[in-house]
Amino acid sequence: MQQGINPVLQTEREKYFDILRGIAILGIFIANLNFMSLYNPEHVVGGFHSVYDRKMSFLHAMFIEGKFYSIFS
């Protein structure tokens, strides 16, 4: 039998990385909620509803789409 192909034991796992992966997957799920809701503020007359929509769109792209995908990968 070859060395190194056995699964990692539960006591050898790094819990911090498992928690970080779980948070990243949750973030990816939140990032995809916007797409799955079929909400598109550009189809509203005049573009975005308000300044708050533009700010939240920027924060969403910066903190959710930009960070969670890179953390997970």
Protein backbone atom coordinates (compact mmCIF):
# COMPACT_ATOMS: atom_id res chain seq x y z
CA MET A 1 0.00 0.00 0.00
CA GLN A 2 1.29 3.45 -0.88
CA GLN A 3 2.07 6.05 1.74
CA GLY A 4 0.22 9.37 1.71
CA ILE A 5 -3.05 8.37 0.05
CA ASN A 6 -5.01 7.76 3.26
CA PRO A 7 -7.60 10.33 4.32
CA VAL A 8 -6.63 12.87 6.96
CA LEU A 9 -7.63 11.91 10.47
CA GLN A 10 -10.16 14.06 12.28
CA THR A 11 -7.54 15.07 14.86
CA GLU A 12 -5.15 16.22 12.11
CA ARG A 13 -7.60 18.60 10.41
CA GLU A 14 -7.15 22.35 10.70
CA LYS A 15 -10.46 23.65 12.01
CA TYR A 16 -9.64 27.24 11.08
CA PHE A 17 -9.43 26.37 7.37
CA ASP A 18 -12.69 24.43 7.52
CA ILE A 19 -14.43 27.41 9.11
CA LEU A 20 -12.90 29.78 6.55
CA ARG A 21 -14.07 27.54 3.67
CA GLY A 22 -17.58 27.46 5.15
CA ILE A 23 -17.68 31.26 5.39
CA ALA A 24 -16.43 31.53 1.80
CA ILE A 25 -19.13 29.16 0.54
CA LEU A 26 -21.77 31.19 2.42
CA GLY A 27 -20.40 34.36 0.81
CA ILE A 28 -20.55 32.79 -2.64
CA PHE A 29 -24.14 31.79 -1.97
CA ILE A 30 -24.98 35.37 -0.94
CA ALA A 31 -23.23 36.71 -4.05
CA ASN A 32 -25.34 34.43 -6.25
CA LEU A 33 -28.62 35.44 -4.59
CA ASN A 34 -28.50 38.70 -6.52
CA PHE A 35 -28.26 36.81 -9.81
CA MET A 36 -30.92 34.24 -8.90
CA SER A 37 -33.45 36.88 -7.80
CA LEU A 38 -33.55 38.25 -11.38
CA TYR A 39 -33.45 41.80 -9.99
CA ASN A 40 -31.78 44.15 -12.45
CA PRO A 41 -31.90 47.84 -11.50
CA GLU A 42 -30.78 48.85 -15.00
CA HIS A 43 -34.19 47.89 -16.39
CA VAL A 44 -35.84 50.53 -14.21
CA VAL A 45 -36.42 53.85 -15.97
CA GLY A 46 -33.39 56.01 -15.30
CA GLY A 47 -31.13 53.17 -14.18
CA PHE A 48 -30.66 52.64 -10.47
CA HIS A 49 -33.44 53.60 -8.09
CA SER A 50 -31.30 55.76 -5.88
CA VAL A 51 -27.81 56.57 -4.70
CA TYR A 52 -28.14 53.77 -2.14
CA ASP A 53 -28.55 51.18 -4.88
CA ARG A 54 -25.31 52.30 -6.50
CA LYS A 55 -23.50 52.22 -3.16
CA MET A 56 -24.78 48.76 -2.30
CA SER A 57 -23.90 47.49 -5.77
CA PHE A 58 -20.34 48.73 -5.29
CA LEU A 59 -20.08 47.20 -1.79
CA HIS A 60 -21.49 43.91 -3.09
CA ALA A 61 -18.93 43.74 -5.88
CA MET A 62 -16.05 44.77 -3.63
CA PHE A 63 -16.66 42.72 -0.49
CA ILE A 64 -18.71 39.76 -1.62
CA GLU A 65 -17.84 38.96 -5.22
CA GLY A 66 -14.25 40.07 -4.95
CA LYS A 67 -13.33 38.46 -1.64
CA PHE A 68 -15.25 35.23 -1.16
CA TYR A 69 -14.32 33.73 -4.51
CA SER A 70 -10.63 34.34 -3.85
CA ILE A 71 -10.87 32.99 -0.29
CA PHE A 72 -12.55 29.82 -1.48
CA SER A 73 -10.09 29.22 -4.29
